[in-house]
Amino acid sequence: MIVSLYTTTNPNAQSVEVKTFTDIQKLVGGYIQVATQGLTETVLCNEEGVPMGLPRNAHFTGLVGDVVVAPNGWQDLPYGD
């Protein structure tokens, strides 16, 4: 599955292939929180981003840390190492 990664350090989105739920956790740097869910995609961020003091994400007002936009179905990915 290809997801879009919006980091706090890169002004451009990156396309990243993920094969497991754990891959997405690694991209956001921790536990996954659903920020918003639309008809075709879901915005995911780090659940503990605020207490961890992660920087604000310029692409998504009100979110901190790196953000992943994944197509629906991401929640069906298998867990990995």
PDB file of N, CA and C in Angstrom:
ATOM      1  N   MET A   1       0.855  -1.169   0.000  1.00  0.00           N
ATOM      2  CA  MET A   1       0.000   0.000   0.000  1.00  0.00           C
ATOM      3  C   MET A   1       0.902   1.234   0.000  1.00  0.00           C
ATOM      4  N   ILE A   2       0.552   2.196  -0.822  1.00  0.00           N
ATOM      5  CA  ILE A   2       1.295   3.460  -0.879  1.00  0.00           C
ATOM      6  C   ILE A   2       0.562   4.496  -0.024  1.00  0.00           C
ATOM      7  N   VAL A   3       1.318   5.140   0.879  1.00  0.00           N
ATOM      8  CA  VAL A   3       0.770   6.206   1.710  1.00  0.00           C
ATOM      9  C   VAL A   3       1.552   7.482   1.441  1.00  0.00           C
ATOM     10  N   SER A   4       0.982   8.603   1.837  1.00  0.00           N
ATOM     11  CA  SER A   4       1.681   9.888   1.744  1.00  0.00           C
ATOM     12  C   SER A   4       2.166  10.272   3.130  1.00  0.00           C
ATOM     13  N   LEU A   5       3.438  10.644   3.212  1.00  0.00           N
ATOM     14  CA  LEU A   5       4.048  11.029   4.480  1.00  0.00           C
ATOM     15  C   LEU A   5       4.353  12.519   4.447  1.00  0.00           C
ATOM     16  N   TYR A   6       3.842  13.240   5.434  1.00  0.00           N
ATOM     17  CA  TYR A   6       4.077  14.670   5.587  1.00  0.00           C
ATOM     18  C   TYR A   6       4.886  14.866   6.864  1.00  0.00           C
ATOM     19  N   THR A   7       6.174  15.141   6.703  1.00  0.00           N
ATOM     20  CA  THR A   7       7.033  15.282   7.876  1.00  0.00           C
ATOM     21  C   THR A   7       7.116  16.743   8.300  1.00  0.00           C
ATOM     22  N   THR A   8       7.645  16.936   9.492  1.00  0.00           N
ATOM     23  CA  THR A   8       7.818  18.300   9.999  1.00  0.00           C
ATOM     24  C   THR A   8       9.079  18.943   9.438  1.00  0.00           C
ATOM     25  N   THR A   9       9.906  18.165   8.745  1.00  0.00           N
ATOM     26  CA  THR A   9      11.179  18.687   8.244  1.00  0.00           C
ATOM     27  C   THR A   9      11.249  18.819   6.730  1.00  0.00           C
ATOM     28  N   ASN A  10      10.267  18.266   6.020  1.00  0.00           N
ATOM     29  CA  ASN A  10      10.290  18.305   4.560  1.00  0.00           C
ATOM     30  C   ASN A  10       9.038  19.024   4.065  1.00  0.00           C
ATOM     31  N   PRO A  11       9.191  20.060   3.244  1.00  0.00           N
ATOM     32  CA  PRO A  11       8.013  20.793   2.779  1.00  0.00           C
ATOM     33  C   PRO A  11       7.170  20.017   1.769  1.00  0.00           C
ATOM     34  N   ASN A  12       7.680  18.909   1.261  1.00  0.00           N
ATOM     35  CA  ASN A  12       6.955  18.128   0.253  1.00  0.00           C
ATOM     36  C   ASN A  12       6.517  16.783   0.819  1.00  0.00           C
ATOM     37  N   ALA A  13       5.362  16.326   0.362  1.00  0.00           N
ATOM     38  CA  ALA A  13       4.892  14.997   0.754  1.00  0.00           C
ATOM     39  C   ALA A  13       5.756  13.947   0.072  1.00  0.00           C
ATOM     40  N   GLN A  14       5.908  12.831   0.741  1.00  0.00           N
ATOM     41  CA  GLN A  14       6.657  11.707   0.179  1.00  0.00           C
ATOM     42  C   GLN A  14       5.720  10.515   0.046  1.00  0.00           C
ATOM     43  N   SER A  15       5.841   9.789  -1.051  1.00  0.00           N
ATOM     44  CA  SER A  15       5.104   8.539  -1.208  1.00  0.00           C
ATOM     45  C   SER A  15       5.950   7.421  -0.635  1.00  0.00           C
ATOM     46  N   VAL A  16       5.345   6.641   0.254  1.00  0.00           N
ATOM     47  CA  VAL A  16       6.064   5.574   0.943  1.00  0.00           C
ATOM     48  C   VAL A  16       5.239   4.300   0.851  1.00  0.00           C
ATOM     49  N   GLU A  17       5.898   3.191   0.542  1.00  0.00           N
ATOM     50  CA  GLU A  17       5.203   1.908   0.524  1.00  0.00           C
ATOM     51  C   GLU A  17       5.240   1.298   1.926  1.00  0.00           C
ATOM     52  N   VAL A  18       4.085   0.885   2.416  1.00  0.00           N
ATOM     53  CA  VAL A  18       3.999   0.197   3.697  1.00  0.00           C
ATOM     54  C   VAL A  18       3.360  -1.162   3.461  1.00  0.00           C
ATOM     55  N   LYS A  19       3.835  -2.140   4.224  1.00  0.00           N
ATOM     56  CA  LYS A  19       3.299  -3.494   4.087  1.00  0.00           C
ATOM     57  C   LYS A  19       2.600  -3.966   5.348  1.00  0.00           C
ATOM     58  N   THR A  20       2.875  -3.261   6.465  1.00  0.00           N
ATOM     59  CA  THR A  20       2.299  -3.679   7.741  1.00  0.00           C
ATOM     60  C   THR A  20       1.822  -2.468   8.544  1.00  0.00           C
ATOM     61  N   PHE A  21       0.987  -2.742   9.517  1.00  0.00           N
ATOM     62  CA  PHE A  21       0.523  -1.728  10.461  1.00  0.00           C
ATOM     63  C   PHE A  21       1.720  -1.121  11.192  1.00  0.00           C
ATOM     64  N   THR A  22       2.682  -1.972  11.497  1.00  0.00           N
ATOM     65  CA  THR A  22       3.890  -1.532  12.191  1.00  0.00           C
ATOM     66  C   THR A  22       4.684  -0.529  11.352  1.00  0.00           C
ATOM     67  N   ASP A  23       4.678  -0.691  10.025  1.00  0.00           N
ATOM     68  CA  ASP A  23       5.348   0.274   9.151  1.00  0.00           C
ATOM     69  C   ASP A  23       4.758   1.675   9.338  1.00  0.00           C
ATOM     70  N   ILE A  24       3.445   1.743   9.471  1.00  0.00           N
ATOM     71  CA  ILE A  24       2.801   3.046   9.676  1.00  0.00           C
ATOM     72  C   ILE A  24       3.172   3.595  11.051  1.00  0.00           C
ATOM     73  N   GLN A  25       3.211   2.733  12.068  1.00  0.00           N
ATOM     74  CA  GLN A  25       3.619   3.178  13.403  1.00  0.00           C
ATOM     75  C   GLN A  25       5.030   3.776  13.367  1.00  0.00           C
ATOM     76  N   LYS A  26       5.905   3.158  12.616  1.00  0.00           N
ATOM     77  CA  LYS A  26       7.270   3.679  12.500  1.00  0.00           C
ATOM     78  C   LYS A  26       7.281   5.041  11.826  1.00  0.00           C
ATOM     79  N   LEU A  27       6.418   5.241  10.835  1.00  0.00           N
ATOM     80  CA  LEU A  27       6.381   6.531  10.140  1.00  0.00           C
ATOM     81  C   LEU A  27       5.914   7.661  11.051  1.00  0.00           C
ATOM     82  N   VAL A  28       4.909   7.390  11.896  1.00  0.00           N
ATOM     83  CA  VAL A  28       4.412   8.442  12.795  1.00  0.00           C
ATOM     84  C   VAL A  28       5.201   8.496  14.095  1.00  0.00           C
ATOM     85  N   GLY A  29       6.037   7.501  14.345  1.00  0.00           N
ATOM     86  CA  GLY A  29       6.896   7.515  15.519  1.00  0.00           C
ATOM     87  C   GLY A  29       6.246   7.039  16.800  1.00  0.00           C
ATOM     88  N   GLY A  30       5.240   6.184  16.692  1.00  0.00           N
ATOM     89  CA  GLY A  30       4.594   5.676  17.894  1.00  0.00           C
ATOM     90  C   GLY A  30       3.212   5.131  17.617  1.00  0.00           C
ATOM     91  N   TYR A  31       2.380   5.171  18.663  1.00  0.00           N
ATOM     92  CA  TYR A  31       1.011   4.688  18.521  1.00  0.00           C
ATOM     93  C   TYR A  31       0.239   5.548  17.536  1.00  0.00           C
ATOM     94  N   ILE A  32      -0.627   4.907  16.758  1.00  0.00           N
ATOM     95  CA  ILE A  32      -1.379   5.599  15.712  1.00  0.00           C
ATOM     96  C   ILE A  32      -2.674   6.168  16.267  1.00  0.00           C
ATOM     97  N   GLN A  33      -2.944   7.410  15.897  1.00  0.00           N
ATOM     98  CA  GLN A  33      -4.228   8.044  16.203  1.00  0.00           C
ATOM     99  C   GLN A  33      -4.865   8.453  14.885  1.00  0.00           C
ATOM    100  N   VAL A  34      -6.146   8.171  14.731  1.00  0.00           N
ATOM    101  CA  VAL A  34      -6.882   8.626  13.560  1.00  0.00           C
ATOM    102  C   VAL A  34      -7.267  10.074  13.805  1.00  0.00           C
ATOM    103  N   ALA A  35      -6.728  10.978  12.983  1.00  0.00           N
ATOM    104  CA  ALA A  35      -7.048  12.401  13.127  1.00  0.00           C
ATOM    105  C   ALA A  35      -8.358  12.715  12.408  1.00  0.00           C
ATOM    106  N   THR A  36      -8.493  12.245  11.190  1.00  0.00           N
ATOM    107  CA  THR A  36      -9.739  12.380  10.427  1.00  0.00           C
ATOM    108  C   THR A  36      -9.859  11.203   9.481  1.00  0.00           C
ATOM    109  N   GLN A  37     -11.097  10.854   9.170  1.00  0.00           N
ATOM    110  CA  GLN A  37     -11.317   9.766   8.219  1.00  0.00           C
ATOM    111  C   GLN A  37     -12.340  10.211   7.199  1.00  0.00           C
ATOM    112  N   GLY A  38     -11.956  10.104   5.939  1.00  0.00           N
ATOM    113  CA  GLY A  38     -12.846  10.464   4.852  1.00  0.00           C
ATOM    114  C   GLY A  38     -13.369   9.231   4.145  1.00  0.00           C
ATOM    115  N   LEU A  39     -14.001   9.447   3.019  1.00  0.00           N
ATOM    116  CA  LEU A  39     -14.565   8.332   2.264  1.00  0.00           C
ATOM    117  C   LEU A  39     -13.491   7.444   1.648  1.00  0.00           C
ATOM    118  N   THR A  40     -12.343   8.034   1.289  1.00  0.00           N
ATOM    119  CA  THR A  40     -11.321   7.267   0.585  1.00  0.00           C
ATOM    120  C   THR A  40      -9.970   7.219   1.291  1.00  0.00           C
ATOM    121  N   GLU A  41      -9.773   8.068   2.293  1.00  0.00           N
ATOM    122  CA  GLU A  41      -8.478   8.085   2.963  1.00  0.00           C
ATOM    123  C   GLU A  41      -8.621   8.514   4.417  1.00  0.00           C
ATOM    124  N   THR A  42      -7.550   8.225   5.179  1.00  0.00           N
ATOM    125  CA  THR A  42      -7.526   8.516   6.604  1.00  0.00           C
ATOM    126  C   THR A  42      -6.241   9.255   6.945  1.00  0.00           C
ATOM    127  N   VAL A  43      -6.348  10.284   7.781  1.00  0.00           N
ATOM    128  CA  VAL A  43      -5.186  11.036   8.249  1.00  0.00           C
ATOM    129  C   VAL A  43      -4.783  10.466   9.600  1.00  0.00           C
ATOM    130  N   LEU A  44      -3.518  10.032   9.697  1.00  0.00           N
ATOM    131  CA  LEU A  44      -3.007   9.369  10.891  1.00  0.00           C
ATOM    132  C   LEU A  44      -1.843  10.149  11.476  1.00  0.00           C
ATOM    133  N   CYS A  45      -1.767  10.185  12.799  1.00  0.00           N
ATOM    134  CA  CYS A  45      -0.656  10.873  13.461  1.00  0.00           C
ATOM    135  C   CYS A  45      -0.266  10.096  14.715  1.00  0.00           C
ATOM    136  N   ASN A  46       0.712  10.610  15.428  1.00  0.00           N
ATOM    137  CA  ASN A  46       1.192   9.982  16.662  1.00  0.00           C
ATOM    138  C   ASN A  46       0.244  10.336  17.801  1.00  0.00           C
ATOM    139  N   GLU A  47      -0.305   9.321  18.431  1.00  0.00           N
ATOM    140  CA  GLU A  47      -1.270   9.505  19.517  1.00  0.00           C
ATOM    141  C   GLU A  47      -0.692  10.297  20.688  1.00  0.00           C
ATOM    142  N   GLU A  48       0.604  10.163  20.925  1.00  0.00           N
ATOM    143  CA  GLU A  48       1.237  10.827  22.059  1.00  0.00           C
ATOM    144  C   GLU A  48       2.107  12.004  21.629  1.00  0.00           C
ATOM    145  N   GLY A  49       1.826  12.565  20.452  1.00  0.00           N
ATOM    146  CA  GLY A  49       2.651  13.631  19.905  1.00  0.00           C
ATOM    147  C   GLY A  49       2.727  14.878  20.760  1.00  0.00           C
ATOM    148  N   VAL A  50       1.618  15.308  21.343  1.00  0.00           N
ATOM    149  CA  VAL A  50       1.621  16.520  22.168  1.00  0.00           C
ATOM    150  C   VAL A  50       2.426  16.305  23.451  1.00  0.00           C
ATOM    151  N   PRO A  51       2.153  15.232  24.239  1.00  0.00           N
ATOM    152  CA  PRO A  51       2.949  15.036  25.455  1.00  0.00           C
ATOM    153  C   PRO A  51       4.442  14.824  25.165  1.00  0.00           C
ATOM    154  N   MET A  52       4.746  14.279  23.975  1.00  0.00           N
ATOM    155  CA  MET A  52       6.147  14.065  23.602  1.00  0.00           C
ATOM    156  C   MET A  52       6.829  15.361  23.173  1.00  0.00           C
ATOM    157  N   GLY A  53       6.029  16.417  22.965  1.00  0.00           N
ATOM    158  CA  GLY A  53       6.588  17.698  22.550  1.00  0.00           C
ATOM    159  C   GLY A  53       6.995  17.738  21.092  1.00  0.00           C
ATOM    160  N   LEU A  54       6.318  16.941  20.256  1.00  0.00           N
ATOM    161  CA  LEU A  54       6.654  16.943  18.829  1.00  0.00           C
ATOM    162  C   LEU A  54       6.296  18.296  18.210  1.00  0.00           C
ATOM    163  N   PRO A  55       7.060  18.716  17.202  1.00  0.00           N
ATOM    164  CA  PRO A  55       6.777  20.010  16.570  1.00  0.00           C
ATOM    165  C   PRO A  55       5.487  19.964  15.746  1.00  0.00           C
ATOM    166  N   ARG A  56       4.912  21.133  15.556  1.00  0.00           N
ATOM    167  CA  ARG A  56       3.694  21.237  14.743  1.00  0.00           C
ATOM    168  C   ARG A  56       3.983  20.830  13.304  1.00  0.00           C
ATOM    169  N   ASN A  57       2.979  20.255  12.679  1.00  0.00           N
ATOM    170  CA  ASN A  57       3.092  19.869  11.276  1.00  0.00           C
ATOM    171  C   ASN A  57       2.490  20.989  10.436  1.00  0.00           C
ATOM    172  N   ALA A  58       3.297  21.596   9.587  1.00  0.00           N
ATOM    173  CA  ALA A  58       2.860  22.742   8.784  1.00  0.00           C
ATOM    174  C   ALA A  58       1.778  22.377   7.773  1.00  0.00           C
ATOM    175  N   HIS A  59       1.706  21.128   7.398  1.00  0.00           N
ATOM    176  CA  HIS A  59       0.723  20.694   6.401  1.00  0.00           C
ATOM    177  C   HIS A  59      -0.668  20.500   6.992  1.00  0.00           C
ATOM    178  N   PHE A  60      -0.730  20.178   8.275  1.00  0.00           N
ATOM    179  CA  PHE A  60      -1.999  19.865   8.936  1.00  0.00           C
ATOM    180  C   PHE A  60      -2.122  20.693  10.210  1.00  0.00           C
ATOM    181  N   THR A  61      -2.876  21.763  10.138  1.00  0.00           N
ATOM    182  CA  THR A  61      -3.077  22.658  11.261  1.00  0.00           C
ATOM    183  C   THR A  61      -3.660  21.877  12.441  1.00  0.00           C
ATOM    184  N   GLY A  62      -3.059  22.046  13.588  1.00  0.00           N
ATOM    185  CA  GLY A  62      -3.552  21.393  14.792  1.00  0.00           C
ATOM    186  C   GLY A  62      -2.936  20.037  15.068  1.00  0.00           C
ATOM    187  N   LEU A  63      -2.139  19.510  14.135  1.00  0.00           N
ATOM    188  CA  LEU A  63      -1.480  18.225  14.369  1.00  0.00           C
ATOM    189  C   LEU A  63       0.002  18.442  14.592  1.00  0.00           C
ATOM    190  N   VAL A  64       0.596  17.531  15.334  1.00  0.00           N
ATOM    191  CA  VAL A  64       2.036  17.608  15.596  1.00  0.00           C
ATOM    192  C   VAL A  64       2.702  16.337  15.093  1.00  0.00           C
ATOM    193  N   GLY A  65       3.994  16.440  14.833  1.00  0.00           N
ATOM    194  CA  GLY A  65       4.758  15.291  14.371  1.00  0.00           C
ATOM    195  C   GLY A  65       4.486  14.963  12.921  1.00  0.00           C
ATOM    196  N   ASP A  66       5.047  13.848  12.505  1.00  0.00           N
ATOM    197  CA  ASP A  66       4.871  13.404  11.128  1.00  0.00           C
ATOM    198  C   ASP A  66       3.473  12.816  10.961  1.00  0.00           C
ATOM    199  N   VAL A  67       2.867  13.089   9.799  1.00  0.00           N
ATOM    200  CA  VAL A  67       1.494  12.684   9.529  1.00  0.00           C
ATOM    201  C   VAL A  67       1.468  11.792   8.288  1.00  0.00           C
ATOM    202  N   VAL A  68       0.658  10.745   8.349  1.00  0.00           N
ATOM    203  CA  VAL A  68       0.485   9.823   7.234  1.00  0.00           C
ATOM    204  C   VAL A  68      -0.942   9.939   6.731  1.00  0.00           C
ATOM    205  N   VAL A  69      -1.099  10.029   5.414  1.00  0.00           N
ATOM    206  CA  VAL A  69      -2.416   9.953   4.786  1.00  0.00           C
ATOM    207  C   VAL A  69      -2.458   8.616   4.059  1.00  0.00           C
ATOM    208  N   ALA A  70      -3.332   7.739   4.526  1.00  0.00           N
ATOM    209  CA  ALA A  70      -3.404   6.379   3.998  1.00  0.00           C
ATOM    210  C   ALA A  70      -4.763   6.121   3.361  1.00  0.00           C
ATOM    211  N   PRO A  71      -4.771   5.336   2.290  1.00  0.00           N
ATOM    212  CA  PRO A  71      -6.064   4.964   1.720  1.00  0.00           C
ATOM    213  C   PRO A  71      -6.819   4.070   2.696  1.00  0.00           C
ATOM    214  N   ASN A  72      -8.143   4.141   2.640  1.00  0.00           N
ATOM    215  CA  ASN A  72      -8.929   3.264   3.503  1.00  0.00           C
ATOM    216  C   ASN A  72      -8.530   1.817   3.226  1.00  0.00           C
ATOM    217  N   GLY A  73      -8.516   1.037   4.265  1.00  0.00           N
ATOM    218  CA  GLY A  73      -8.034  -0.332   4.202  1.00  0.00           C
ATOM    219  C   GLY A  73      -6.735  -0.498   4.962  1.00  0.00           C
ATOM    220  N   TRP A  74      -6.141   0.631   5.369  1.00  0.00           N
ATOM    221  CA  TRP A  74      -4.884   0.571   6.125  1.00  0.00           C
ATOM    222  C   TRP A  74      -5.057  -0.242   7.403  1.00  0.00           C
ATOM    223  N   GLN A  75      -6.250  -0.170   7.989  1.00  0.00           N
ATOM    224  CA  GLN A  75      -6.489  -0.853   9.256  1.00  0.00           C
ATOM    225  C   GLN A  75      -6.519  -2.376   9.082  1.00  0.00           C
ATOM    226  N   ASP A  76      -6.567  -2.850   7.848  1.00  0.00           N
ATOM    227  CA  ASP A  76      -6.567  -4.297   7.586  1.00  0.00           C
ATOM    228  C   ASP A  76      -5.161  -4.837   7.339  1.00  0.00           C
ATOM    229  N   LEU A  77      -4.155  -3.960   7.373  1.00  0.00           N
ATOM    230  CA  LEU A  77      -2.780  -4.421   7.180  1.00  0.00           C
ATOM    231  C   LEU A  77      -2.381  -5.345   8.330  1.00  0.00           C
ATOM    232  N   PRO A  78      -1.554  -6.341   8.052  1.00  0.00           N
ATOM    233  CA  PRO A  78      -1.099  -7.210   9.126  1.00  0.00           C
ATOM    234  C   PRO A  78      -0.097  -6.499  10.014  1.00  0.00           C
ATOM    235  N   TYR A  79       0.050  -6.960  11.242  1.00  0.00           N
ATOM    236  CA  TYR A  79       1.100  -6.442  12.107  1.00  0.00           C
ATOM    237  C   TYR A  79       2.422  -7.013  11.622  1.00  0.00           C
ATOM    238  N   GLY A  80       3.497  -6.284  11.854  1.00  0.00           N
ATOM    239  CA  GLY A  80       4.804  -6.748  11.426  1.00  0.00           C
ATOM    240  C   GLY A  80       5.820  -6.579  12.530  1.00  0.00           C
ATOM    241  N   ASP A  81       7.077  -6.774  12.180  1.00  0.00           N
ATOM    242  CA  ASP A  81       8.166  -6.648  13.150  1.00  0.00           C
ATOM    243  C   ASP A  81       8.555  -5.213  13.357  1.00  0.00           C
TER     244      ASP A  81
END
